[in-house]
Amino acid sequence: ITTYMDVLEELNRRNIEYYLVYPERRLKEEYRNRAIKRGSDNQFIDGFFSRWDKHISDCDSIDAPYKYVLKSNEYLADIIDKI
């Protein structure tokens, strides 16, 4: 599911449980390089990574029922069985 605050807040209002999975703040360059390697266009890369700190702060602050913060070189596929 998306990590946009409006969506997460609505899920909370409706008492719908979800998992919020997002990377550690310090991994901005790692994730930027992932986006470049998978062929994301410059407009996406510039837009998304210019908002990185706010996005991670929002994820940190939301009261998610279940939260997992990805570490370096960790992907959702690596932890899906854990959650």
PDB file of N, CA and C in Angstrom:
ATOM      1  N   ILE A   1       0.847  -1.184   0.000  1.00  0.00           N
ATOM      2  CA  ILE A   1       0.000   0.000   0.000  1.00  0.00           C
ATOM      3  C   ILE A   1       0.884   1.235   0.000  1.00  0.00           C
ATOM      4  N   THR A   2       0.376   2.296  -0.487  1.00  0.00           N
ATOM      5  CA  THR A   2       1.104   3.552  -0.548  1.00  0.00           C
ATOM      6  C   THR A   2       1.495   4.061   0.836  1.00  0.00           C
ATOM      7  N   THR A   3       2.490   4.902   0.878  1.00  0.00           N
ATOM      8  CA  THR A   3       2.875   5.526   2.144  1.00  0.00           C
ATOM      9  C   THR A   3       2.456   6.997   2.194  1.00  0.00           C
ATOM     10  N   TYR A   4       1.489   7.393   1.368  1.00  0.00           N
ATOM     11  CA  TYR A   4       0.988   8.757   1.431  1.00  0.00           C
ATOM     12  C   TYR A   4       0.179   8.948   2.708  1.00  0.00           C
ATOM     13  N   MET A   5       0.444  10.041   3.400  1.00  0.00           N
ATOM     14  CA  MET A   5      -0.158  10.285   4.713  1.00  0.00           C
ATOM     15  C   MET A   5      -1.677  10.279   4.679  1.00  0.00           C
ATOM     16  N   ASP A   6      -2.286  10.857   3.659  1.00  0.00           N
ATOM     17  CA  ASP A   6      -3.749  10.896   3.596  1.00  0.00           C
ATOM     18  C   ASP A   6      -4.334   9.484   3.624  1.00  0.00           C
ATOM     19  N   VAL A   7      -3.719   8.578   2.880  1.00  0.00           N
ATOM     20  CA  VAL A   7      -4.206   7.201   2.824  1.00  0.00           C
ATOM     21  C   VAL A   7      -4.002   6.516   4.173  1.00  0.00           C
ATOM     22  N   LEU A   8      -2.818   6.671   4.758  1.00  0.00           N
ATOM     23  CA  LEU A   8      -2.528   6.025   6.039  1.00  0.00           C
ATOM     24  C   LEU A   8      -3.436   6.557   7.155  1.00  0.00           C
ATOM     25  N   GLU A   9      -3.661   7.855   7.161  1.00  0.00           N
ATOM     26  CA  GLU A   9      -4.555   8.441   8.160  1.00  0.00           C
ATOM     27  C   GLU A   9      -5.982   7.916   8.006  1.00  0.00           C
ATOM     28  N   GLU A  10      -6.423   7.752   6.769  1.00  0.00           N
ATOM     29  CA  GLU A  10      -7.770   7.212   6.537  1.00  0.00           C
ATOM     30  C   GLU A  10      -7.856   5.758   7.005  1.00  0.00           C
ATOM     31  N   LEU A  11      -6.842   4.981   6.738  1.00  0.00           N
ATOM     32  CA  LEU A  11      -6.821   3.593   7.244  1.00  0.00           C
ATOM     33  C   LEU A  11      -6.912   3.582   8.763  1.00  0.00           C
ATOM     34  N   ASN A  12      -6.176   4.469   9.404  1.00  0.00           N
ATOM     35  CA  ASN A  12      -6.240   4.558  10.868  1.00  0.00           C
ATOM     36  C   ASN A  12      -7.634   4.959  11.340  1.00  0.00           C
ATOM     37  N   ARG A  13      -8.232   5.948  10.672  1.00  0.00           N
ATOM     38  CA  ARG A  13      -9.585   6.393  11.055  1.00  0.00           C
ATOM     39  C   ARG A  13     -10.594   5.242  10.958  1.00  0.00           C
ATOM     40  N   ARG A  14     -10.401   4.394   9.961  1.00  0.00           N
ATOM     41  CA  ARG A  14     -11.327   3.274   9.750  1.00  0.00           C
ATOM     42  C   ARG A  14     -10.909   2.012  10.500  1.00  0.00           C
ATOM     43  N   ASN A  15      -9.856   2.129  11.310  1.00  0.00           N
ATOM     44  CA  ASN A  15      -9.354   0.983  12.078  1.00  0.00           C
ATOM     45  C   ASN A  15      -9.009  -0.218  11.194  1.00  0.00           C
ATOM     46  N   ILE A  16      -8.420   0.066  10.050  1.00  0.00           N
ATOM     47  CA  ILE A  16      -7.967  -0.981   9.135  1.00  0.00           C
ATOM     48  C   ILE A  16      -6.486  -1.226   9.402  1.00  0.00           C
ATOM     49  N   GLU A  17      -6.157  -2.447   9.748  1.00  0.00           N
ATOM     50  CA  GLU A  17      -4.770  -2.776  10.031  1.00  0.00           C
ATOM     51  C   GLU A  17      -3.962  -2.868   8.742  1.00  0.00           C
ATOM     52  N   TYR A  18      -2.715  -2.455   8.807  1.00  0.00           N
ATOM     53  CA  TYR A  18      -1.807  -2.510   7.665  1.00  0.00           C
ATOM     54  C   TYR A  18      -0.376  -2.544   8.175  1.00  0.00           C
ATOM     55  N   TYR A  19       0.516  -2.921   7.296  1.00  0.00           N
ATOM     56  CA  TYR A  19       1.944  -2.888   7.574  1.00  0.00           C
ATOM     57  C   TYR A  19       2.542  -1.691   6.845  1.00  0.00           C
ATOM     58  N   LEU A  20       3.289  -0.899   7.559  1.00  0.00           N
ATOM     59  CA  LEU A  20       4.004   0.224   6.960  1.00  0.00           C
ATOM     60  C   LEU A  20       5.478  -0.174   6.897  1.00  0.00           C
ATOM     61  N   VAL A  21       5.986  -0.299   5.683  1.00  0.00           N
ATOM     62  CA  VAL A  21       7.377  -0.703   5.469  1.00  0.00           C
ATOM     63  C   VAL A  21       8.057   0.410   4.685  1.00  0.00           C
ATOM     64  N   TYR A  22       9.141   0.911   5.212  1.00  0.00           N
ATOM     65  CA  TYR A  22       9.874   1.997   4.563  1.00  0.00           C
ATOM     66  C   TYR A  22      11.340   1.941   4.993  1.00  0.00           C
ATOM     67  N   PRO A  23      12.226   2.588   4.228  1.00  0.00           N
ATOM     68  CA  PRO A  23      13.658   2.489   4.524  1.00  0.00           C
ATOM     69  C   PRO A  23      14.121   3.457   5.609  1.00  0.00           C
ATOM     70  N   GLU A  24      15.261   3.124   6.172  1.00  0.00           N
ATOM     71  CA  GLU A  24      15.909   4.045   7.102  1.00  0.00           C
ATOM     72  C   GLU A  24      16.228   5.351   6.375  1.00  0.00           C
ATOM     73  N   ARG A  25      16.145   6.447   7.087  1.00  0.00           N
ATOM     74  CA  ARG A  25      16.395   7.778   6.508  1.00  0.00           C
ATOM     75  C   ARG A  25      17.785   7.859   5.866  1.00  0.00           C
ATOM     76  N   ARG A  26      18.767   7.252   6.494  1.00  0.00           N
ATOM     77  CA  ARG A  26      20.158   7.365   6.031  1.00  0.00           C
ATOM     78  C   ARG A  26      20.394   6.690   4.679  1.00  0.00           C
ATOM     79  N   LEU A  27      19.412   5.972   4.157  1.00  0.00           N
ATOM     80  CA  LEU A  27      19.585   5.201   2.925  1.00  0.00           C
ATOM     81  C   LEU A  27      19.150   5.946   1.667  1.00  0.00           C
ATOM     82  N   LYS A  28      19.044   7.246   1.742  1.00  0.00           N
ATOM     83  CA  LYS A  28      18.566   8.038   0.600  1.00  0.00           C
ATOM     84  C   LYS A  28      19.369   7.755  -0.670  1.00  0.00           C
ATOM     85  N   GLU A  29      20.676   7.790  -0.605  1.00  0.00           N
ATOM     86  CA  GLU A  29      21.496   7.570  -1.804  1.00  0.00           C
ATOM     87  C   GLU A  29      21.378   6.144  -2.315  1.00  0.00           C
ATOM     88  N   GLU A  30      21.277   5.179  -1.412  1.00  0.00           N
ATOM     89  CA  GLU A  30      21.081   3.784  -1.830  1.00  0.00           C
ATOM     90  C   GLU A  30      19.780   3.643  -2.625  1.00  0.00           C
ATOM     91  N   TYR A  31      18.722   4.257  -2.126  1.00  0.00           N
ATOM     92  CA  TYR A  31      17.425   4.165  -2.807  1.00  0.00           C
ATOM     93  C   TYR A  31      17.407   4.990  -4.093  1.00  0.00           C
ATOM     94  N   ARG A  32      18.110   6.088  -4.092  1.00  0.00           N
ATOM     95  CA  ARG A  32      18.225   6.875  -5.330  1.00  0.00           C
ATOM     96  C   ARG A  32      18.929   6.041  -6.402  1.00  0.00           C
ATOM     97  N   ASN A  33      19.997   5.369  -6.018  1.00  0.00           N
ATOM     98  CA  ASN A  33      20.713   4.511  -6.967  1.00  0.00           C
ATOM     99  C   ASN A  33      19.852   3.342  -7.442  1.00  0.00           C
ATOM    100  N   ARG A  34      19.029   2.789  -6.568  1.00  0.00           N
ATOM    101  CA  ARG A  34      18.098   1.724  -6.981  1.00  0.00           C
ATOM    102  C   ARG A  34      17.147   2.235  -8.054  1.00  0.00           C
ATOM    103  N   ALA A  35      16.638   3.451  -7.846  1.00  0.00           N
ATOM    104  CA  ALA A  35      15.698   4.038  -8.809  1.00  0.00           C
ATOM    105  C   ALA A  35      16.376   4.255 -10.153  1.00  0.00           C
ATOM    106  N   ILE A  36      17.603   4.720 -10.141  1.00  0.00           N
ATOM    107  CA  ILE A  36      18.354   4.929 -11.386  1.00  0.00           C
ATOM    108  C   ILE A  36      18.570   3.599 -12.083  1.00  0.00           C
ATOM    109  N   LYS A  37      18.995   2.576 -11.335  1.00  0.00           N
ATOM    110  CA  LYS A  37      19.281   1.263 -11.926  1.00  0.00           C
ATOM    111  C   LYS A  37      18.050   0.610 -12.532  1.00  0.00           C
ATOM    112  N   ARG A  38      16.879   0.868 -11.964  1.00  0.00           N
ATOM    113  CA  ARG A  38      15.675   0.243 -12.532  1.00  0.00           C
ATOM    114  C   ARG A  38      15.060   1.084 -13.645  1.00  0.00           C
ATOM    115  N   GLY A  39      15.707   2.208 -13.968  1.00  0.00           N
ATOM    116  CA  GLY A  39      15.291   2.987 -15.125  1.00  0.00           C
ATOM    117  C   GLY A  39      14.256   4.059 -14.857  1.00  0.00           C
ATOM    118  N   SER A  40      14.064   4.454 -13.610  1.00  0.00           N
ATOM    119  CA  SER A  40      13.134   5.547 -13.309  1.00  0.00           C
ATOM    120  C   SER A  40      13.600   6.818 -13.998  1.00  0.00           C
ATOM    121  N   ASP A  41      12.648   7.624 -14.452  1.00  0.00           N
ATOM    122  CA  ASP A  41      13.041   8.847 -15.150  1.00  0.00           C
ATOM    123  C   ASP A  41      13.487   9.925 -14.167  1.00  0.00           C
ATOM    124  N   ASN A  42      14.220  10.895 -14.702  1.00  0.00           N
ATOM    125  CA  ASN A  42      14.794  11.953 -13.867  1.00  0.00           C
ATOM    126  C   ASN A  42      13.738  12.770 -13.143  1.00  0.00           C
ATOM    127  N   GLN A  43      12.600  12.961 -13.765  1.00  0.00           N
ATOM    128  CA  GLN A  43      11.532  13.739 -13.125  1.00  0.00           C
ATOM    129  C   GLN A  43      11.060  13.040 -11.852  1.00  0.00           C
ATOM    130  N   PHE A  44      10.855  11.724 -11.925  1.00  0.00           N
ATOM    131  CA  PHE A  44      10.472  10.964 -10.734  1.00  0.00           C
ATOM    132  C   PHE A  44      11.573  11.040  -9.682  1.00  0.00           C
ATOM    133  N   ILE A  45      12.796  10.777 -10.096  1.00  0.00           N
ATOM    134  CA  ILE A  45      13.920  10.750  -9.152  1.00  0.00           C
ATOM    135  C   ILE A  45      14.076  12.098  -8.459  1.00  0.00           C
ATOM    136  N   ASP A  46      14.091  13.162  -9.221  1.00  0.00           N
ATOM    137  CA  ASP A  46      14.254  14.491  -8.629  1.00  0.00           C
ATOM    138  C   ASP A  46      13.100  14.834  -7.691  1.00  0.00           C
ATOM    139  N   GLY A  47      11.882  14.527  -8.107  1.00  0.00           N
ATOM    140  CA  GLY A  47      10.716  14.841  -7.288  1.00  0.00           C
ATOM    141  C   GLY A  47      10.668  14.034  -6.012  1.00  0.00           C
ATOM    142  N   PHE A  48      10.809  12.734  -6.130  1.00  0.00           N
ATOM    143  CA  PHE A  48      10.699  11.872  -4.956  1.00  0.00           C
ATOM    144  C   PHE A  48      11.818  12.137  -3.958  1.00  0.00           C
ATOM    145  N   PHE A  49      13.036  12.234  -4.443  1.00  0.00           N
ATOM    146  CA  PHE A  49      14.155  12.355  -3.514  1.00  0.00           C
ATOM    147  C   PHE A  49      14.331  13.765  -2.971  1.00  0.00           C
ATOM    148  N   SER A  50      13.677  14.744  -3.578  1.00  0.00           N
ATOM    149  CA  SER A  50      13.674  16.085  -2.979  1.00  0.00           C
ATOM    150  C   SER A  50      12.749  16.118  -1.757  1.00  0.00           C
ATOM    151  N   ARG A  51      11.828  15.159  -1.670  1.00  0.00           N
ATOM    152  CA  ARG A  51      10.890  15.085  -0.537  1.00  0.00           C
ATOM    153  C   ARG A  51      11.245  13.957   0.436  1.00  0.00           C
ATOM    154  N   TRP A  52      12.386  13.323   0.250  1.00  0.00           N
ATOM    155  CA  TRP A  52      12.783  12.145   1.023  1.00  0.00           C
ATOM    156  C   TRP A  52      12.655  12.366   2.531  1.00  0.00           C
ATOM    157  N   ASP A  53      13.293  13.419   3.058  1.00  0.00           N
ATOM    158  CA  ASP A  53      13.310  13.618   4.509  1.00  0.00           C
ATOM    159  C   ASP A  53      11.903  13.813   5.069  1.00  0.00           C
ATOM    160  N   LYS A  54      11.079  14.572   4.381  1.00  0.00           N
ATOM    161  CA  LYS A  54       9.695  14.763   4.843  1.00  0.00           C
ATOM    162  C   LYS A  54       8.941  13.442   4.793  1.00  0.00           C
ATOM    163  N   HIS A  55       9.125  12.711   3.721  1.00  0.00           N
ATOM    164  CA  HIS A  55       8.439  11.428   3.561  1.00  0.00           C
ATOM    165  C   HIS A  55       8.813  10.456   4.691  1.00  0.00           C
ATOM    166  N   ILE A  56      10.089  10.351   4.987  1.00  0.00           N
ATOM    167  CA  ILE A  56      10.536   9.453   6.057  1.00  0.00           C
ATOM    168  C   ILE A  56      10.040   9.958   7.410  1.00  0.00           C
ATOM    169  N   SER A  57      10.071  11.259   7.623  1.00  0.00           N
ATOM    170  CA  SER A  57       9.539  11.824   8.878  1.00  0.00           C
ATOM    171  C   SER A  57       8.066  11.507   9.039  1.00  0.00           C
ATOM    172  N   ASP A  58       7.310  11.620   7.949  1.00  0.00           N
ATOM    173  CA  ASP A  58       5.888  11.278   7.994  1.00  0.00           C
ATOM    174  C   ASP A  58       5.702   9.810   8.371  1.00  0.00           C
ATOM    175  N   CYS A  59       6.487   8.942   7.755  1.00  0.00           N
ATOM    176  CA  CYS A  59       6.388   7.502   8.068  1.00  0.00           C
ATOM    177  C   CYS A  59       6.752   7.245   9.525  1.00  0.00           C
ATOM    178  N   ASP A  60       7.793   7.918  10.007  1.00  0.00           N
ATOM    179  CA  ASP A  60       8.193   7.754  11.404  1.00  0.00           C
ATOM    180  C   ASP A  60       7.076   8.183  12.362  1.00  0.00           C
ATOM    181  N   SER A  61       6.344   9.217  11.981  1.00  0.00           N
ATOM    182  CA  SER A  61       5.366   9.808  12.898  1.00  0.00           C
ATOM    183  C   SER A  61       4.000   9.122  12.888  1.00  0.00           C
ATOM    184  N   ILE A  62       3.673   8.407  11.828  1.00  0.00           N
ATOM    185  CA  ILE A  62       2.342   7.802  11.742  1.00  0.00           C
ATOM    186  C   ILE A  62       2.224   6.647  12.721  1.00  0.00           C
ATOM    187  N   ASP A  63       1.078   6.531  13.318  1.00  0.00           N
ATOM    188  CA  ASP A  63       0.818   5.466  14.279  1.00  0.00           C
ATOM    189  C   ASP A  63       0.280   4.248  13.541  1.00  0.00           C
ATOM    190  N   ALA A  64       1.184   3.550  12.865  1.00  0.00           N
ATOM    191  CA  ALA A  64       0.803   2.375  12.081  1.00  0.00           C
ATOM    192  C   ALA A  64       0.615   1.173  12.997  1.00  0.00           C
ATOM    193  N   PRO A  65      -0.355   0.315  12.687  1.00  0.00           N
ATOM    194  CA  PRO A  65      -0.551  -0.889  13.499  1.00  0.00           C
ATOM    195  C   PRO A  65       0.702  -1.768  13.523  1.00  0.00           C
ATOM    196  N   TYR A  66       1.372  -1.860  12.376  1.00  0.00           N
ATOM    197  CA  TYR A  66       2.597  -2.644  12.258  1.00  0.00           C
ATOM    198  C   TYR A  66       3.575  -1.837  11.416  1.00  0.00           C
ATOM    199  N   LYS A  67       4.796  -1.751  11.891  1.00  0.00           N
ATOM    200  CA  LYS A  67       5.788  -0.929  11.200  1.00  0.00           C
ATOM    201  C   LYS A  67       7.098  -1.698  11.109  1.00  0.00           C
ATOM    202  N   TYR A  68       7.733  -1.622   9.948  1.00  0.00           N
ATOM    203  CA  TYR A  68       9.038  -2.239   9.755  1.00  0.00           C
ATOM    204  C   TYR A  68       9.898  -1.278   8.947  1.00  0.00           C
ATOM    205  N   VAL A  69      11.095  -0.996   9.453  1.00  0.00           N
ATOM    206  CA  VAL A  69      12.012  -0.095   8.774  1.00  0.00           C
ATOM    207  C   VAL A  69      13.114  -0.932   8.120  1.00  0.00           C
ATOM    208  N   LEU A  70      13.197  -0.815   6.803  1.00  0.00           N
ATOM    209  CA  LEU A  70      14.173  -1.582   6.040  1.00  0.00           C
ATOM    210  C   LEU A  70      15.591  -1.079   6.280  1.00  0.00           C
ATOM    211  N   LYS A  71      16.508  -2.012   6.366  1.00  0.00           N
ATOM    212  CA  LYS A  71      17.922  -1.701   6.527  1.00  0.00           C
ATOM    213  C   LYS A  71      18.603  -1.696   5.162  1.00  0.00           C
ATOM    214  N   SER A  72      19.878  -1.351   5.146  1.00  0.00           N
ATOM    215  CA  SER A  72      20.644  -1.317   3.907  1.00  0.00           C
ATOM    216  C   SER A  72      20.618  -2.679   3.222  1.00  0.00           C
ATOM    217  N   ASN A  73      20.459  -2.645   1.914  1.00  0.00           N
ATOM    218  CA  ASN A  73      20.420  -3.860   1.079  1.00  0.00           C
ATOM    219  C   ASN A  73      19.296  -4.821   1.448  1.00  0.00           C
ATOM    220  N   GLU A  74      18.264  -4.326   2.067  1.00  0.00           N
ATOM    221  CA  GLU A  74      17.114  -5.147   2.438  1.00  0.00           C
ATOM    222  C   GLU A  74      15.932  -4.716   1.570  1.00  0.00           C
ATOM    223  N   TYR A  75      15.201  -5.699   1.089  1.00  0.00           N
ATOM    224  CA  TYR A  75      14.055  -5.448   0.224  1.00  0.00           C
ATOM    225  C   TYR A  75      12.807  -6.038   0.871  1.00  0.00           C
ATOM    226  N   LEU A  76      11.652  -5.602   0.432  1.00  0.00           N
ATOM    227  CA  LEU A  76      10.403  -6.131   0.926  1.00  0.00           C
ATOM    228  C   LEU A  76      10.374  -7.654   0.787  1.00  0.00           C
ATOM    229  N   ALA A  77      10.868  -8.171  -0.313  1.00  0.00           N
ATOM    230  CA  ALA A  77      10.900  -9.621  -0.533  1.00  0.00           C
ATOM    231  C   ALA A  77      11.712 -10.342   0.544  1.00  0.00           C
ATOM    232  N   ASP A  78      12.680  -9.650   1.123  1.00  0.00           N
ATOM    233  CA  ASP A  78      13.515 -10.267   2.159  1.00  0.00           C
ATOM    234  C   ASP A  78      12.780 -10.423   3.485  1.00  0.00           C
ATOM    235  N   ILE A  79      11.806  -9.583   3.730  1.00  0.00           N
ATOM    236  CA  ILE A  79      11.151  -9.576   5.052  1.00  0.00           C
ATOM    237  C   ILE A  79       9.687  -9.974   5.017  1.00  0.00           C
ATOM    238  N   ILE A  80       9.149 -10.206   3.841  1.00  0.00           N
ATOM    239  CA  ILE A  80       7.702 -10.453   3.711  1.00  0.00           C
ATOM    240  C   ILE A  80       7.244 -11.612   4.579  1.00  0.00           C
ATOM    241  N   ASP A  81       8.046 -12.645   4.708  1.00  0.00           N
ATOM    242  CA  ASP A  81       7.658 -13.793   5.542  1.00  0.00           C
ATOM    243  C   ASP A  81       7.706 -13.470   7.021  1.00  0.00           C
ATOM    244  N   LYS A  82       8.440 -12.434   7.394  1.00  0.00           N
ATOM    245  CA  LYS A  82       8.537 -12.028   8.799  1.00  0.00           C
ATOM    246  C   LYS A  82       7.324 -11.226   9.241  1.00  0.00           C
ATOM    247  N   ILE A  83       6.694 -10.573   8.269  1.00  0.00           N
ATOM    248  CA  ILE A  83       5.571  -9.719   8.637  1.00  0.00           C
ATOM    249  C   ILE A  83       4.307 -10.425   8.243  1.00  0.00           C
TER     250      ILE A  83
END
